[in-house]
Amino acid sequence: PTVLTLMRVAAVPALAWAYFQGEVAAAAAFWCFAGAAITDFMDGYLARSLGQATRFGAFLDPVADKLIVVTTMVLLAAAPPGPLEGVGVPAWALPAAALVIACRELLVSAVRVEGGWSGSGCSIVAGAGGLVGAPRQGSTNGSLHTRASAHLLSQGGTFGTSWASG
């Protein structure tokens, strides 16, 4: 399962490169992101069902998630998938949203790490070495980020033409 997580980390530069390569590569960026989302589900499922959950995997999984989410948000803020003003979205909204999401991801990580150090049980490395998964609301939030990011990536990268819709 950890190999799948490492594959997600390795997908980050491929996603970033593909995003700026035109319409065909924008589809590749979308599929790279979608593949990372699928492996995110699969590595956790396999680790739990095969009894192969490790502290390293529990540490690396949210790091890989944050790398993918923050990279995607920065890409979308740097080069939106289409003209934002035409749909009533001010130019500052996407960078602001990216900043809020990136800050939230960092704060959540800090709380989880602090919980592990203090032994409060709020962490992936809780107390006496046990592993604690993400709370349901965190998983729901991650799912919403993934869906929104995938939708925006499907809108065509830097060229504003949606390869996904035709």
C-alpha atoms as a PDB file:
ATOM      1  CA  PRO A   1       0.000   0.000   0.000  1.00  0.00           C
ATOM      2  CA  THR A   2       2.836   2.452   0.714  1.00  0.00           C
ATOM      3  CA  VAL A   3       4.000   2.058  -2.890  1.00  0.00           C
ATOM      4  CA  LEU A   4       0.670   3.522  -4.025  1.00  0.00           C
ATOM      5  CA  THR A   5       1.205   6.509  -1.734  1.00  0.00           C
ATOM      6  CA  LEU A   6       4.713   7.001  -3.128  1.00  0.00           C
ATOM      7  CA  MET A   7       3.208   6.909  -6.618  1.00  0.00           C
ATOM      8  CA  ARG A   8       0.910   9.791  -5.596  1.00  0.00           C
ATOM      9  CA  VAL A   9       3.912  11.799  -4.453  1.00  0.00           C
ATOM     10  CA  ALA A  10       5.666  11.062  -7.764  1.00  0.00           C
ATOM     11  CA  ALA A  11       2.544  12.163  -9.667  1.00  0.00           C
ATOM     12  CA  VAL A  12       2.838  15.751  -8.389  1.00  0.00           C
ATOM     13  CA  PRO A  13       5.529  16.927 -10.854  1.00  0.00           C
ATOM     14  CA  ALA A  14       3.818  15.053 -13.714  1.00  0.00           C
ATOM     15  CA  LEU A  15       0.538  16.795 -12.903  1.00  0.00           C
ATOM     16  CA  ALA A  16       2.220  20.213 -12.789  1.00  0.00           C
ATOM     17  CA  TRP A  17       4.060  19.660 -16.069  1.00  0.00           C
ATOM     18  CA  ALA A  18       1.011  18.334 -17.894  1.00  0.00           C
ATOM     19  CA  TYR A  19      -1.222  21.199 -16.782  1.00  0.00           C
ATOM     20  CA  PHE A  20       0.769  23.705 -18.831  1.00  0.00           C
ATOM     21  CA  GLN A  21       1.199  21.620 -21.988  1.00  0.00           C
ATOM     22  CA  GLY A  22      -2.017  22.411 -23.830  1.00  0.00           C
ATOM     23  CA  GLU A  23      -5.429  20.837 -24.253  1.00  0.00           C
ATOM     24  CA  VAL A  24      -4.341  17.218 -24.754  1.00  0.00           C
ATOM     25  CA  ALA A  25      -1.946  17.382 -21.828  1.00  0.00           C
ATOM     26  CA  ALA A  26      -4.660  19.038 -19.721  1.00  0.00           C
ATOM     27  CA  ALA A  27      -6.552  15.773 -20.105  1.00  0.00           C
ATOM     28  CA  ALA A  28      -3.401  14.010 -18.910  1.00  0.00           C
ATOM     29  CA  ALA A  29      -3.286  16.349 -15.890  1.00  0.00           C
ATOM     30  CA  PHE A  30      -6.876  15.460 -15.088  1.00  0.00           C
ATOM     31  CA  TRP A  31      -6.204  11.717 -15.377  1.00  0.00           C
ATOM     32  CA  CYS A  32      -3.018  12.059 -13.334  1.00  0.00           C
ATOM     33  CA  PHE A  33      -5.076  13.742 -10.611  1.00  0.00           C
ATOM     34  CA  ALA A  34      -7.873  11.176 -10.929  1.00  0.00           C
ATOM     35  CA  GLY A  35      -5.344   8.333 -10.689  1.00  0.00           C
ATOM     36  CA  ALA A  36      -3.908   9.891  -7.545  1.00  0.00           C
ATOM     37  CA  ALA A  37      -7.410  10.125  -6.050  1.00  0.00           C
ATOM     38  CA  ILE A  38      -8.077   6.467  -6.828  1.00  0.00           C
ATOM     39  CA  THR A  39      -4.777   5.337  -5.312  1.00  0.00           C
ATOM     40  CA  ASP A  40      -5.562   7.447  -2.235  1.00  0.00           C
ATOM     41  CA  PHE A  41      -8.642   5.315  -1.663  1.00  0.00           C
ATOM     42  CA  MET A  42      -6.912   2.068  -2.601  1.00  0.00           C
ATOM     43  CA  ASP A  43      -3.834   2.432  -0.408  1.00  0.00           C
ATOM     44  CA  GLY A  44      -5.904   3.052   2.706  1.00  0.00           C
ATOM     45  CA  TYR A  45      -8.298   0.245   1.894  1.00  0.00           C
ATOM     46  CA  LEU A  46      -5.479  -2.213   1.216  1.00  0.00           C
ATOM     47  CA  ALA A  47      -3.518  -1.198   4.300  1.00  0.00           C
ATOM     48  CA  ARG A  48      -6.553  -1.774   6.520  1.00  0.00           C
ATOM     49  CA  SER A  49      -7.864  -4.938   4.848  1.00  0.00           C
ATOM     50  CA  LEU A  50      -4.445  -6.600   4.604  1.00  0.00           C
ATOM     51  CA  GLY A  51      -3.373  -5.477   8.070  1.00  0.00           C
ATOM     52  CA  GLN A  52      -0.434  -3.575   6.595  1.00  0.00           C
ATOM     53  CA  ALA A  53      -1.028  -0.163   8.143  1.00  0.00           C
ATOM     54  CA  THR A  54       2.270   1.379   9.211  1.00  0.00           C
ATOM     55  CA  ARG A  55       3.269   4.563  10.982  1.00  0.00           C
ATOM     56  CA  PHE A  56       5.235   5.617   7.899  1.00  0.00           C
ATOM     57  CA  GLY A  57       2.224   5.033   5.654  1.00  0.00           C
ATOM     58  CA  ALA A  58      -0.046   6.875   8.078  1.00  0.00           C
ATOM     59  CA  PHE A  59       2.398   9.794   8.000  1.00  0.00           C
ATOM     60  CA  LEU A  60       2.972   9.768   4.232  1.00  0.00           C
ATOM     61  CA  ASP A  61      -0.681   9.437   3.145  1.00  0.00           C
ATOM     62  CA  PRO A  62      -1.827  12.884   4.327  1.00  0.00           C
ATOM     63  CA  VAL A  63       1.428  14.412   3.063  1.00  0.00           C
ATOM     64  CA  ALA A  64       0.751  12.991  -0.405  1.00  0.00           C
ATOM     65  CA  ASP A  65      -2.841  14.271  -0.207  1.00  0.00           C
ATOM     66  CA  LYS A  66      -1.689  17.753   0.675  1.00  0.00           C
ATOM     67  CA  LEU A  67       0.946  17.787  -2.066  1.00  0.00           C
ATOM     68  CA  ILE A  68      -1.662  16.913  -4.692  1.00  0.00           C
ATOM     69  CA  VAL A  69      -4.325  19.321  -3.368  1.00  0.00           C
ATOM     70  CA  VAL A  70      -2.000  22.295  -2.854  1.00  0.00           C
ATOM     71  CA  THR A  71      -0.250  21.749  -6.206  1.00  0.00           C
ATOM     72  CA  THR A  72      -3.598  21.627  -7.982  1.00  0.00           C
ATOM     73  CA  MET A  73      -4.842  24.750  -6.203  1.00  0.00           C
ATOM     74  CA  VAL A  74      -1.670  26.666  -7.081  1.00  0.00           C
ATOM     75  CA  LEU A  75      -1.899  25.546 -10.723  1.00  0.00           C
ATOM     76  CA  LEU A  76      -5.531  26.565 -10.967  1.00  0.00           C
ATOM     77  CA  ALA A  77      -4.817  29.919  -9.301  1.00  0.00           C
ATOM     78  CA  ALA A  78      -1.824  30.572 -11.566  1.00  0.00           C
ATOM     79  CA  ALA A  79      -3.687  29.718 -14.766  1.00  0.00           C
ATOM     80  CA  PRO A  80      -7.457  29.349 -14.337  1.00  0.00           C
ATOM     81  CA  PRO A  81      -9.235  26.931 -16.663  1.00  0.00           C
ATOM     82  CA  GLY A  82     -11.200  29.710 -18.319  1.00  0.00           C
ATOM     83  CA  PRO A  83     -12.228  33.347 -18.021  1.00  0.00           C
ATOM     84  CA  LEU A  84     -13.513  33.821 -14.492  1.00  0.00           C
ATOM     85  CA  GLU A  85     -15.017  37.267 -14.944  1.00  0.00           C
ATOM     86  CA  GLY A  86     -17.451  35.949 -17.585  1.00  0.00           C
ATOM     87  CA  VAL A  87     -19.144  33.820 -14.933  1.00  0.00           C
ATOM     88  CA  GLY A  88     -19.195  36.494 -12.246  1.00  0.00           C
ATOM     89  CA  VAL A  89     -16.081  35.371 -10.351  1.00  0.00           C
ATOM     90  CA  PRO A  90     -13.620  38.158  -9.521  1.00  0.00           C
ATOM     91  CA  ALA A  91      -9.990  37.577 -10.557  1.00  0.00           C
ATOM     92  CA  TRP A  92      -8.819  37.442  -6.931  1.00  0.00           C
ATOM     93  CA  ALA A  93     -11.260  34.672  -5.911  1.00  0.00           C
ATOM     94  CA  LEU A  94      -9.320  31.639  -7.166  1.00  0.00           C
ATOM     95  CA  PRO A  95      -5.967  32.648  -5.633  1.00  0.00           C
ATOM     96  CA  ALA A  96      -7.782  33.521  -2.399  1.00  0.00           C
ATOM     97  CA  ALA A  97      -9.519  30.134  -2.347  1.00  0.00           C
ATOM     98  CA  ALA A  98      -6.200  28.398  -3.046  1.00  0.00           C
ATOM     99  CA  LEU A  99      -4.585  30.274  -0.163  1.00  0.00           C
ATOM    100  CA  VAL A 100      -7.411  29.424   2.250  1.00  0.00           C
ATOM    101  CA  ILE A 101      -7.306  25.744   1.283  1.00  0.00           C
ATOM    102  CA  ALA A 102      -3.498  25.574   1.535  1.00  0.00           C
ATOM    103  CA  CYS A 103      -3.552  27.260   4.965  1.00  0.00           C
ATOM    104  CA  ARG A 104      -6.284  24.929   6.182  1.00  0.00           C
ATOM    105  CA  GLU A 105      -4.288  21.895   5.020  1.00  0.00           C
ATOM    106  CA  LEU A 106      -1.197  23.127   6.878  1.00  0.00           C
ATOM    107  CA  LEU A 107      -3.174  23.898  10.040  1.00  0.00           C
ATOM    108  CA  VAL A 108      -4.825  20.470  10.049  1.00  0.00           C
ATOM    109  CA  SER A 109      -1.415  18.854   9.634  1.00  0.00           C
ATOM    110  CA  ALA A 110       0.003  20.902  12.489  1.00  0.00           C
ATOM    111  CA  VAL A 111      -2.866  19.913  14.789  1.00  0.00           C
ATOM    112  CA  ARG A 112      -2.430  16.232  13.906  1.00  0.00           C
ATOM    113  CA  VAL A 113       1.320  16.352  14.527  1.00  0.00           C
ATOM    114  CA  GLU A 114       0.883  18.259  17.800  1.00  0.00           C
ATOM    115  CA  GLY A 115      -1.719  15.733  18.901  1.00  0.00           C
ATOM    116  CA  GLY A 116       0.819  12.970  18.338  1.00  0.00           C
ATOM    117  CA  TRP A 117       3.502  14.760  20.326  1.00  0.00           C
ATOM    118  CA  SER A 118       1.248  15.570  23.229  1.00  0.00           C
ATOM    119  CA  GLY A 119      -0.360  12.132  23.312  1.00  0.00           C
ATOM    120  CA  SER A 120      -3.853  13.586  23.010  1.00  0.00           C
ATOM    121  CA  GLY A 121      -4.903  10.918  20.545  1.00  0.00           C
ATOM    122  CA  CYS A 122      -5.692  13.377  17.750  1.00  0.00           C
ATOM    123  CA  SER A 123      -2.940  12.166  15.520  1.00  0.00           C
ATOM    124  CA  ILE A 124      -1.827   9.564  13.050  1.00  0.00           C
ATOM    125  CA  VAL A 125       0.817   8.583  15.595  1.00  0.00           C
ATOM    126  CA  ALA A 126      -1.318   8.625  18.695  1.00  0.00           C
ATOM    127  CA  GLY A 127      -0.264   7.751  22.197  1.00  0.00           C
ATOM    128  CA  ALA A 128       1.538   4.430  22.480  1.00  0.00           C
ATOM    129  CA  GLY A 129       2.185   3.942  18.772  1.00  0.00           C
ATOM    130  CA  GLY A 130      -1.377   3.235  17.676  1.00  0.00           C
ATOM    131  CA  LEU A 131      -2.685   4.476  14.365  1.00  0.00           C
ATOM    132  CA  VAL A 132      -5.702   6.745  14.219  1.00  0.00           C
ATOM    133  CA  GLY A 133      -7.422   7.484  10.914  1.00  0.00           C
ATOM    134  CA  ALA A 134      -8.782  10.787   9.754  1.00  0.00           C
ATOM    135  CA  PRO A 135     -12.127  11.784  11.256  1.00  0.00           C
ATOM    136  CA  ARG A 136     -15.181  11.424   9.027  1.00  0.00           C
ATOM    137  CA  GLN A 137     -15.524  15.176   8.481  1.00  0.00           C
ATOM    138  CA  GLY A 138     -11.876  15.311   7.351  1.00  0.00           C
ATOM    139  CA  SER A 139     -12.487  12.530   4.858  1.00  0.00           C
ATOM    140  CA  THR A 140     -15.609  14.298   3.591  1.00  0.00           C
ATOM    141  CA  ASN A 141     -13.687  17.547   3.235  1.00  0.00           C
ATOM    142  CA  GLY A 142     -10.918  15.773   1.327  1.00  0.00           C
ATOM    143  CA  SER A 143     -13.490  14.183  -0.947  1.00  0.00           C
ATOM    144  CA  LEU A 144     -15.029  17.579  -1.707  1.00  0.00           C
ATOM    145  CA  HIS A 145     -11.583  19.063  -2.474  1.00  0.00           C
ATOM    146  CA  THR A 146     -10.869  16.141  -4.775  1.00  0.00           C
ATOM    147  CA  ARG A 147     -14.163  16.457  -6.653  1.00  0.00           C
ATOM    148  CA  ALA A 148     -13.884  20.222  -7.052  1.00  0.00           C
ATOM    149  CA  SER A 149     -10.262  20.020  -8.189  1.00  0.00           C
ATOM    150  CA  ALA A 150     -11.009  17.226 -10.647  1.00  0.00           C
ATOM    151  CA  HIS A 151     -13.890  19.251 -12.095  1.00  0.00           C
ATOM    152  CA  LEU A 152     -11.727  22.349 -12.537  1.00  0.00           C
ATOM    153  CA  LEU A 153      -8.903  20.315 -14.080  1.00  0.00           C
ATOM    154  CA  SER A 154     -11.379  18.768 -16.519  1.00  0.00           C
ATOM    155  CA  GLN A 155     -12.152  22.249 -17.823  1.00  0.00           C
ATOM    156  CA  GLY A 156      -9.028  22.304 -19.946  1.00  0.00           C
ATOM    157  CA  GLY A 157      -5.980  23.571 -18.141  1.00  0.00           C
ATOM    158  CA  THR A 158      -4.547  26.856 -19.333  1.00  0.00           C
ATOM    159  CA  PHE A 159      -6.442  27.088 -22.592  1.00  0.00           C
ATOM    160  CA  GLY A 160      -9.990  27.481 -21.302  1.00  0.00           C
ATOM    161  CA  THR A 161     -11.440  24.815 -23.580  1.00  0.00           C
ATOM    162  CA  SER A 162     -13.003  21.834 -21.959  1.00  0.00           C
ATOM    163  CA  TRP A 163     -11.682  18.573 -23.393  1.00  0.00           C
ATOM    164  CA  ALA A 164     -14.038  16.732 -21.033  1.00  0.00           C
ATOM    165  CA  SER A 165     -17.255  18.113 -22.483  1.00  0.00           C
ATOM    166  CA  GLY A 166     -16.604  17.532 -26.105  1.00  0.00           C
END
